[in-house]
Amino acid sequence: MERIEVTTKPNGAGRNWLEVGAFEVDSLGRKQWVKKNVPHQETKLTVDRQYSARGETIDWIVLIPEDYLLTIVKVTYDRLNPKDLEVLWEPGGSNQPEDSRENKKKRAFELAAGNEELTSLLKELLGD
């Protein structure tokens, strides 16, 4: 399970909240956000919400299963920027750097150095 920790501000200027949904492309090729639910009502997510002492902020901890199919975004609303979306989690994506796969491949070849059979097997499996 992946874990997200985020703080939202439910009231006032610059308020924000979390939504669960998906990005869909319309007939004109524009990417549109389609809200499906909110995290604390989504049965597949494990959610813990802690309100601040005066109720000004909410600290969220969201546990996401590996097979979860929807995207989680933080929606920010204020007068200058009516609806700004920040993607917190996407299915199939990871929060790790893109080069982590390359680093892992490089490390595997370093460990296999000196063993021709293992090196050739890695090359065959990884396509290097």
N, C-alpha and C. Protein backbone atom coordinates (compact mmCIF):
# COMPACT_ATOMS: atom_id res chain seq x y z
N MET A 1 0.83 -1.18 0.00
CA MET A 1 0.00 0.00 0.00
C MET A 1 0.87 1.25 0.00
N GLU A 2 0.47 2.20 -0.80
CA GLU A 2 1.16 3.49 -0.78
C GLU A 2 0.47 4.40 0.23
N ARG A 3 1.23 5.36 0.72
CA ARG A 3 0.73 6.25 1.76
C ARG A 3 0.93 7.70 1.32
N ILE A 4 -0.12 8.51 1.49
CA ILE A 4 -0.07 9.94 1.19
C ILE A 4 -0.39 10.69 2.47
N GLU A 5 0.41 11.71 2.78
CA GLU A 5 0.12 12.60 3.90
C GLU A 5 0.01 14.00 3.33
N VAL A 6 -1.12 14.66 3.59
CA VAL A 6 -1.36 15.99 3.03
C VAL A 6 -2.23 16.79 4.00
N THR A 7 -2.06 18.12 3.97
CA THR A 7 -2.87 19.02 4.80
C THR A 7 -3.74 19.87 3.89
N THR A 8 -5.02 19.99 4.25
CA THR A 8 -5.93 20.83 3.48
C THR A 8 -6.49 21.92 4.38
N LYS A 9 -6.98 22.98 3.73
CA LYS A 9 -7.59 24.11 4.42
C LYS A 9 -9.01 24.25 3.89
N PRO A 10 -10.02 23.79 4.64
CA PRO A 10 -11.37 23.71 4.10
C PRO A 10 -12.13 25.02 3.98
N ASN A 11 -11.70 26.09 4.64
CA ASN A 11 -12.46 27.34 4.63
C ASN A 11 -11.58 28.54 4.31
N GLY A 12 -12.23 29.63 3.87
CA GLY A 12 -11.54 30.89 3.68
C GLY A 12 -10.82 30.99 2.34
N ALA A 13 -10.03 32.05 2.21
CA ALA A 13 -9.28 32.29 0.98
C ALA A 13 -8.23 31.19 0.81
N GLY A 14 -8.07 30.72 -0.42
CA GLY A 14 -7.10 29.67 -0.71
C GLY A 14 -7.50 28.33 -0.15
N ARG A 15 -8.79 28.10 -0.01
CA ARG A 15 -9.24 26.81 0.54
C ARG A 15 -8.94 25.68 -0.44
N ASN A 16 -8.80 24.47 0.10
CA ASN A 16 -8.54 23.31 -0.75
C ASN A 16 -9.12 22.06 -0.10
N TRP A 17 -9.28 21.04 -0.93
CA TRP A 17 -9.87 19.78 -0.49
C TRP A 17 -9.38 18.67 -1.41
N LEU A 18 -9.68 17.42 -1.02
CA LEU A 18 -9.27 16.26 -1.81
C LEU A 18 -10.45 15.69 -2.58
N GLU A 19 -10.16 15.20 -3.79
CA GLU A 19 -11.17 14.53 -4.61
C GLU A 19 -10.56 13.28 -5.22
N VAL A 20 -11.43 12.31 -5.51
CA VAL A 20 -11.05 11.07 -6.18
C VAL A 20 -11.79 11.05 -7.51
N GLY A 21 -11.09 10.73 -8.59
CA GLY A 21 -11.73 10.69 -9.90
C GLY A 21 -10.75 10.28 -10.97
N ALA A 22 -10.98 10.80 -12.18
CA ALA A 22 -10.12 10.44 -13.32
C ALA A 22 -10.07 11.59 -14.31
N PHE A 23 -8.99 11.66 -15.04
CA PHE A 23 -8.88 12.61 -16.13
C PHE A 23 -9.40 11.93 -17.39
N GLU A 24 -10.32 12.59 -18.08
CA GLU A 24 -10.87 12.04 -19.32
C GLU A 24 -10.67 13.06 -20.43
N VAL A 25 -10.46 12.57 -21.64
CA VAL A 25 -10.25 13.44 -22.79
C VAL A 25 -11.59 13.59 -23.51
N ASP A 26 -12.01 14.85 -23.72
CA ASP A 26 -13.29 15.08 -24.39
C ASP A 26 -13.13 15.00 -25.90
N SER A 27 -14.21 15.22 -26.64
CA SER A 27 -14.19 15.07 -28.10
C SER A 27 -13.28 16.08 -28.79
N LEU A 28 -12.94 17.16 -28.11
CA LEU A 28 -12.04 18.16 -28.69
C LEU A 28 -10.58 17.94 -28.28
N GLY A 29 -10.32 16.87 -27.56
CA GLY A 29 -8.95 16.53 -27.19
C GLY A 29 -8.46 17.22 -25.92
N ARG A 30 -9.37 17.83 -25.16
CA ARG A 30 -8.98 18.50 -23.92
C ARG A 30 -9.09 17.53 -22.75
N LYS A 31 -8.13 17.61 -21.85
CA LYS A 31 -8.11 16.75 -20.68
C LYS A 31 -8.98 17.40 -19.59
N GLN A 32 -10.02 16.70 -19.16
CA GLN A 32 -10.96 17.23 -18.18
C GLN A 32 -10.95 16.35 -16.92
N TRP A 33 -11.03 16.99 -15.75
CA TRP A 33 -11.12 16.26 -14.49
C TRP A 33 -12.57 15.88 -14.24
N VAL A 34 -12.81 14.60 -13.94
CA VAL A 34 -14.16 14.11 -13.62
C VAL A 34 -14.12 13.53 -12.21
N LYS A 35 -14.80 14.21 -11.29
CA LYS A 35 -14.84 13.77 -9.89
C LYS A 35 -15.78 12.57 -9.75
N LYS A 36 -15.29 11.54 -9.07
CA LYS A 36 -16.11 10.35 -8.82
C LYS A 36 -16.58 10.29 -7.36
N ASN A 37 -15.72 10.75 -6.42
CA ASN A 37 -16.03 10.63 -5.01
C ASN A 37 -15.06 11.50 -4.21
N VAL A 38 -15.16 11.42 -2.88
CA VAL A 38 -14.20 12.04 -1.98
C VAL A 38 -13.51 10.92 -1.20
N PRO A 39 -12.25 11.11 -0.81
CA PRO A 39 -11.49 9.99 -0.22
C PRO A 39 -12.14 9.35 1.01
N HIS A 40 -12.73 10.13 1.91
CA HIS A 40 -13.28 9.53 3.13
C HIS A 40 -14.58 8.77 2.90
N GLN A 41 -15.14 8.84 1.69
CA GLN A 41 -16.33 8.03 1.37
C GLN A 41 -15.99 6.90 0.39
N GLU A 42 -14.74 6.79 0.00
CA GLU A 42 -14.30 5.75 -0.92
C GLU A 42 -13.97 4.49 -0.12
N THR A 43 -14.68 3.39 -0.40
CA THR A 43 -14.54 2.18 0.42
C THR A 43 -13.19 1.49 0.28
N LYS A 44 -12.50 1.65 -0.85
CA LYS A 44 -11.23 0.96 -1.06
C LYS A 44 -10.06 1.68 -0.41
N LEU A 45 -10.24 2.93 -0.01
CA LEU A 45 -9.18 3.70 0.63
C LEU A 45 -9.31 3.65 2.14
N THR A 46 -8.16 3.64 2.81
CA THR A 46 -8.13 3.76 4.26
C THR A 46 -7.72 5.20 4.56
N VAL A 47 -8.60 5.93 5.26
CA VAL A 47 -8.39 7.36 5.47
C VAL A 47 -8.44 7.70 6.95
N ASP A 48 -7.48 8.54 7.38
CA ASP A 48 -7.49 9.08 8.74
C ASP A 48 -7.42 10.60 8.60
N ARG A 49 -8.39 11.29 9.22
CA ARG A 49 -8.42 12.76 9.18
C ARG A 49 -8.30 13.30 10.59
N GLN A 50 -7.39 14.27 10.77
CA GLN A 50 -7.23 14.92 12.05
C GLN A 50 -7.45 16.42 11.84
N TYR A 51 -8.44 16.97 12.50
CA TYR A 51 -8.71 18.40 12.42
C TYR A 51 -7.80 19.14 13.39
N SER A 52 -7.35 20.35 12.99
CA SER A 52 -6.55 21.15 13.91
C SER A 52 -7.43 21.62 15.06
N ALA A 53 -6.82 22.18 16.10
CA ALA A 53 -7.55 22.57 17.31
C ALA A 53 -8.70 23.53 17.01
N ARG A 54 -8.50 24.46 16.09
CA ARG A 54 -9.54 25.42 15.76
C ARG A 54 -10.29 25.04 14.49
N GLY A 55 -10.00 23.90 13.92
CA GLY A 55 -10.70 23.44 12.73
C GLY A 55 -10.28 24.16 11.46
N GLU A 56 -9.13 24.83 11.47
CA GLU A 56 -8.69 25.60 10.31
C GLU A 56 -8.04 24.72 9.24
N THR A 57 -7.45 23.60 9.64
CA THR A 57 -6.82 22.69 8.68
C THR A 57 -7.20 21.25 9.01
N ILE A 58 -7.01 20.39 8.01
CA ILE A 58 -7.23 18.96 8.19
C ILE A 58 -5.97 18.24 7.72
N ASP A 59 -5.41 17.41 8.58
CA ASP A 59 -4.27 16.57 8.23
C ASP A 59 -4.80 15.21 7.79
N TRP A 60 -4.48 14.81 6.56
CA TRP A 60 -4.96 13.57 5.98
C TRP A 60 -3.83 12.54 5.92
N ILE A 61 -4.17 11.31 6.20
CA ILE A 61 -3.31 10.16 5.89
C ILE A 61 -4.19 9.22 5.07
N VAL A 62 -3.78 8.94 3.83
CA VAL A 62 -4.56 8.09 2.94
C VAL A 62 -3.69 6.90 2.54
N LEU A 63 -4.20 5.69 2.77
CA LEU A 63 -3.52 4.46 2.35
C LEU A 63 -4.21 3.95 1.10
N ILE A 64 -3.42 3.74 0.04
CA ILE A 64 -3.95 3.39 -1.27
C ILE A 64 -3.51 1.97 -1.64
N PRO A 65 -4.45 1.06 -1.94
CA PRO A 65 -4.07 -0.29 -2.36
C PRO A 65 -3.41 -0.28 -3.74
N GLU A 66 -2.62 -1.32 -4.02
CA GLU A 66 -1.88 -1.40 -5.28
C GLU A 66 -2.80 -1.43 -6.50
N ASP A 67 -3.99 -2.01 -6.37
CA ASP A 67 -4.89 -2.18 -7.52
C ASP A 67 -5.92 -1.05 -7.64
N TYR A 68 -5.70 0.08 -6.98
CA TYR A 68 -6.66 1.18 -7.01
C TYR A 68 -6.61 1.87 -8.38
N LEU A 69 -7.77 2.13 -8.97
CA LEU A 69 -7.83 2.60 -10.35
C LEU A 69 -8.09 4.10 -10.53
N LEU A 70 -8.39 4.83 -9.46
CA LEU A 70 -8.72 6.24 -9.59
C LEU A 70 -7.55 7.14 -9.17
N THR A 71 -7.60 8.39 -9.60
CA THR A 71 -6.58 9.38 -9.28
C THR A 71 -7.03 10.20 -8.08
N ILE A 72 -6.08 10.60 -7.24
CA ILE A 72 -6.39 11.45 -6.09
C ILE A 72 -5.74 12.81 -6.33
N VAL A 73 -6.56 13.87 -6.24
CA VAL A 73 -6.05 15.22 -6.45
C VAL A 73 -6.41 16.12 -5.27
N LYS A 74 -5.62 17.19 -5.14
CA LYS A 74 -5.90 18.25 -4.18
C LYS A 74 -6.39 19.44 -5.00
N VAL A 75 -7.63 19.86 -4.76
CA VAL A 75 -8.25 20.97 -5.49
C VAL A 75 -8.09 22.23 -4.65
N THR A 76 -7.50 23.27 -5.25
CA THR A 76 -7.35 24.56 -4.57
C THR A 76 -8.25 25.57 -5.25
N TYR A 77 -8.98 26.33 -4.43
CA TYR A 77 -9.90 27.32 -4.98
C TYR A 77 -9.64 28.67 -4.30
N ASP A 78 -9.43 29.69 -5.11
CA ASP A 78 -9.43 31.07 -4.64
C ASP A 78 -9.89 31.96 -5.79
N ARG A 79 -10.11 33.23 -5.51
CA ARG A 79 -10.66 34.12 -6.54
C ARG A 79 -9.73 34.30 -7.73
N LEU A 80 -8.43 34.33 -7.50
CA LEU A 80 -7.49 34.55 -8.59
C LEU A 80 -7.30 33.30 -9.45
N ASN A 81 -7.40 32.13 -8.83
CA ASN A 81 -7.20 30.87 -9.54
C ASN A 81 -8.36 29.95 -9.19
N PRO A 82 -9.48 30.04 -9.94
CA PRO A 82 -10.72 29.37 -9.53
C PRO A 82 -10.62 27.88 -9.25
N LYS A 83 -9.84 27.13 -9.99
CA LYS A 83 -9.76 25.70 -9.73
C LYS A 83 -8.41 25.18 -10.19
N ASP A 84 -7.53 24.94 -9.24
CA ASP A 84 -6.19 24.43 -9.53
C ASP A 84 -6.10 23.01 -9.00
N LEU A 85 -5.68 22.07 -9.84
CA LEU A 85 -5.59 20.66 -9.45
C LEU A 85 -4.13 20.26 -9.27
N GLU A 86 -3.83 19.62 -8.15
CA GLU A 86 -2.51 19.06 -7.89
C GLU A 86 -2.66 17.55 -7.75
N VAL A 87 -2.06 16.79 -8.65
CA VAL A 87 -2.18 15.33 -8.61
C VAL A 87 -1.30 14.80 -7.47
N LEU A 88 -1.94 14.11 -6.53
CA LEU A 88 -1.22 13.52 -5.40
C LEU A 88 -0.84 12.07 -5.67
N TRP A 89 -1.71 11.36 -6.39
CA TRP A 89 -1.45 9.96 -6.70
C TRP A 89 -2.20 9.58 -7.97
N GLU A 90 -1.51 8.81 -8.83
CA GLU A 90 -2.13 8.30 -10.06
C GLU A 90 -1.95 6.80 -10.13
N PRO A 91 -2.92 6.07 -10.69
CA PRO A 91 -2.72 4.63 -10.85
C PRO A 91 -1.62 4.36 -11.86
N GLY A 92 -0.80 3.37 -11.56
CA GLY A 92 0.28 3.02 -12.47
C GLY A 92 1.48 3.91 -12.34
N GLY A 93 1.32 5.04 -11.73
CA GLY A 93 2.44 5.95 -11.50
C GLY A 93 3.07 5.62 -10.17
N SER A 94 4.25 6.15 -9.96
CA SER A 94 4.87 5.98 -8.66
C SER A 94 5.43 7.31 -8.23
N ASN A 95 5.60 7.48 -6.95
CA ASN A 95 6.13 8.73 -6.43
C ASN A 95 7.65 8.72 -6.39
N GLN A 96 8.26 7.69 -6.97
CA GLN A 96 9.71 7.60 -7.01
C GLN A 96 10.22 8.31 -8.25
N PRO A 97 11.49 8.75 -8.23
CA PRO A 97 12.05 9.40 -9.41
C PRO A 97 12.06 8.47 -10.62
N GLU A 98 11.95 9.06 -11.80
CA GLU A 98 11.89 8.27 -13.03
C GLU A 98 13.15 7.43 -13.25
N ASP A 99 14.30 7.92 -12.78
CA ASP A 99 15.53 7.19 -13.06
C ASP A 99 15.76 6.05 -12.08
N SER A 100 14.84 5.79 -11.14
CA SER A 100 15.05 4.72 -10.18
C SER A 100 15.14 3.36 -10.87
N ARG A 101 14.38 3.15 -11.96
CA ARG A 101 14.46 1.90 -12.70
C ARG A 101 15.85 1.74 -13.32
N GLU A 102 16.36 2.83 -13.87
CA GLU A 102 17.71 2.79 -14.46
C GLU A 102 18.76 2.52 -13.39
N ASN A 103 18.60 3.11 -12.21
CA ASN A 103 19.54 2.88 -11.11
C ASN A 103 19.51 1.42 -10.67
N LYS A 104 18.32 0.83 -10.64
CA LYS A 104 18.19 -0.57 -10.25
C LYS A 104 18.85 -1.48 -11.28
N LYS A 105 18.66 -1.17 -12.57
CA LYS A 105 19.29 -1.97 -13.62
C LYS A 105 20.81 -1.87 -13.52
N LYS A 106 21.29 -0.65 -13.30
CA LYS A 106 22.74 -0.44 -13.19
C LYS A 106 23.30 -1.22 -12.01
N ARG A 107 22.59 -1.19 -10.88
CA ARG A 107 23.03 -1.91 -9.68
C ARG A 107 23.03 -3.42 -9.91
N ALA A 108 22.03 -3.94 -10.64
CA ALA A 108 21.98 -5.37 -10.94
C ALA A 108 23.19 -5.79 -11.77
N PHE A 109 23.56 -4.97 -12.76
CA PHE A 109 24.74 -5.29 -13.57
C PHE A 109 26.03 -5.19 -12.75
N GLU A 110 26.09 -4.26 -11.80
CA GLU A 110 27.26 -4.16 -10.92
C GLU A 110 27.41 -5.42 -10.08
N LEU A 111 26.29 -5.90 -9.56
CA LEU A 111 26.34 -7.11 -8.74
C LEU A 111 26.67 -8.36 -9.55
N ALA A 112 26.27 -8.36 -10.82
CA ALA A 112 26.52 -9.52 -11.67
C ALA A 112 27.89 -9.49 -12.33
N ALA A 113 28.64 -8.43 -12.16
CA ALA A 113 29.96 -8.30 -12.78
C ALA A 113 30.84 -9.50 -12.41
N GLY A 114 31.46 -10.07 -13.42
CA GLY A 114 32.32 -11.23 -13.20
C GLY A 114 31.61 -12.55 -13.43
N ASN A 115 30.30 -12.55 -13.51
CA ASN A 115 29.54 -13.76 -13.76
C ASN A 115 28.89 -13.61 -15.14
N GLU A 116 29.55 -14.18 -16.15
CA GLU A 116 29.09 -14.01 -17.54
C GLU A 116 27.69 -14.57 -17.78
N GLU A 117 27.38 -15.69 -17.15
CA GLU A 117 26.06 -16.29 -17.34
C GLU A 117 24.96 -15.37 -16.81
N LEU A 118 25.18 -14.83 -15.62
CA LEU A 118 24.19 -13.93 -15.02
C LEU A 118 24.10 -12.61 -15.81
N THR A 119 25.22 -12.09 -16.26
CA THR A 119 25.24 -10.85 -17.04
C THR A 119 24.48 -11.03 -18.36
N SER A 120 24.69 -12.16 -19.03
CA SER A 120 23.99 -12.39 -20.29
C SER A 120 22.50 -12.59 -20.05
N LEU A 121 22.13 -13.22 -18.95
CA LEU A 121 20.71 -13.38 -18.60
C LEU A 121 20.06 -12.02 -18.33
N LEU A 122 20.75 -11.14 -17.60
CA LEU A 122 20.23 -9.79 -17.34
C LEU A 122 20.05 -9.02 -18.64
N LYS A 123 21.02 -9.13 -19.54
CA LYS A 123 20.92 -8.43 -20.82
C LYS A 123 19.71 -8.93 -21.62
N GLU A 124 19.51 -10.24 -21.57
CA GLU A 124 18.37 -10.83 -22.30
C GLU A 124 17.04 -10.39 -21.69
N LEU A 125 16.95 -10.39 -20.36
CA LEU A 125 15.70 -10.03 -19.69
C LEU A 125 15.38 -8.53 -19.75
N LEU A 126 16.41 -7.72 -19.61
CA LEU A 126 16.21 -6.26 -19.55
C LEU A 126 16.36 -5.57 -20.88
N GLY A 127 16.78 -6.27 -21.87
CA GLY A 127 16.90 -5.69 -23.19
C GLY A 127 18.05 -4.72 -23.34
N ASP A 128 19.12 -4.92 -22.58
CA ASP A 128 20.30 -4.04 -22.70
C ASP A 128 21.41 -4.71 -23.47
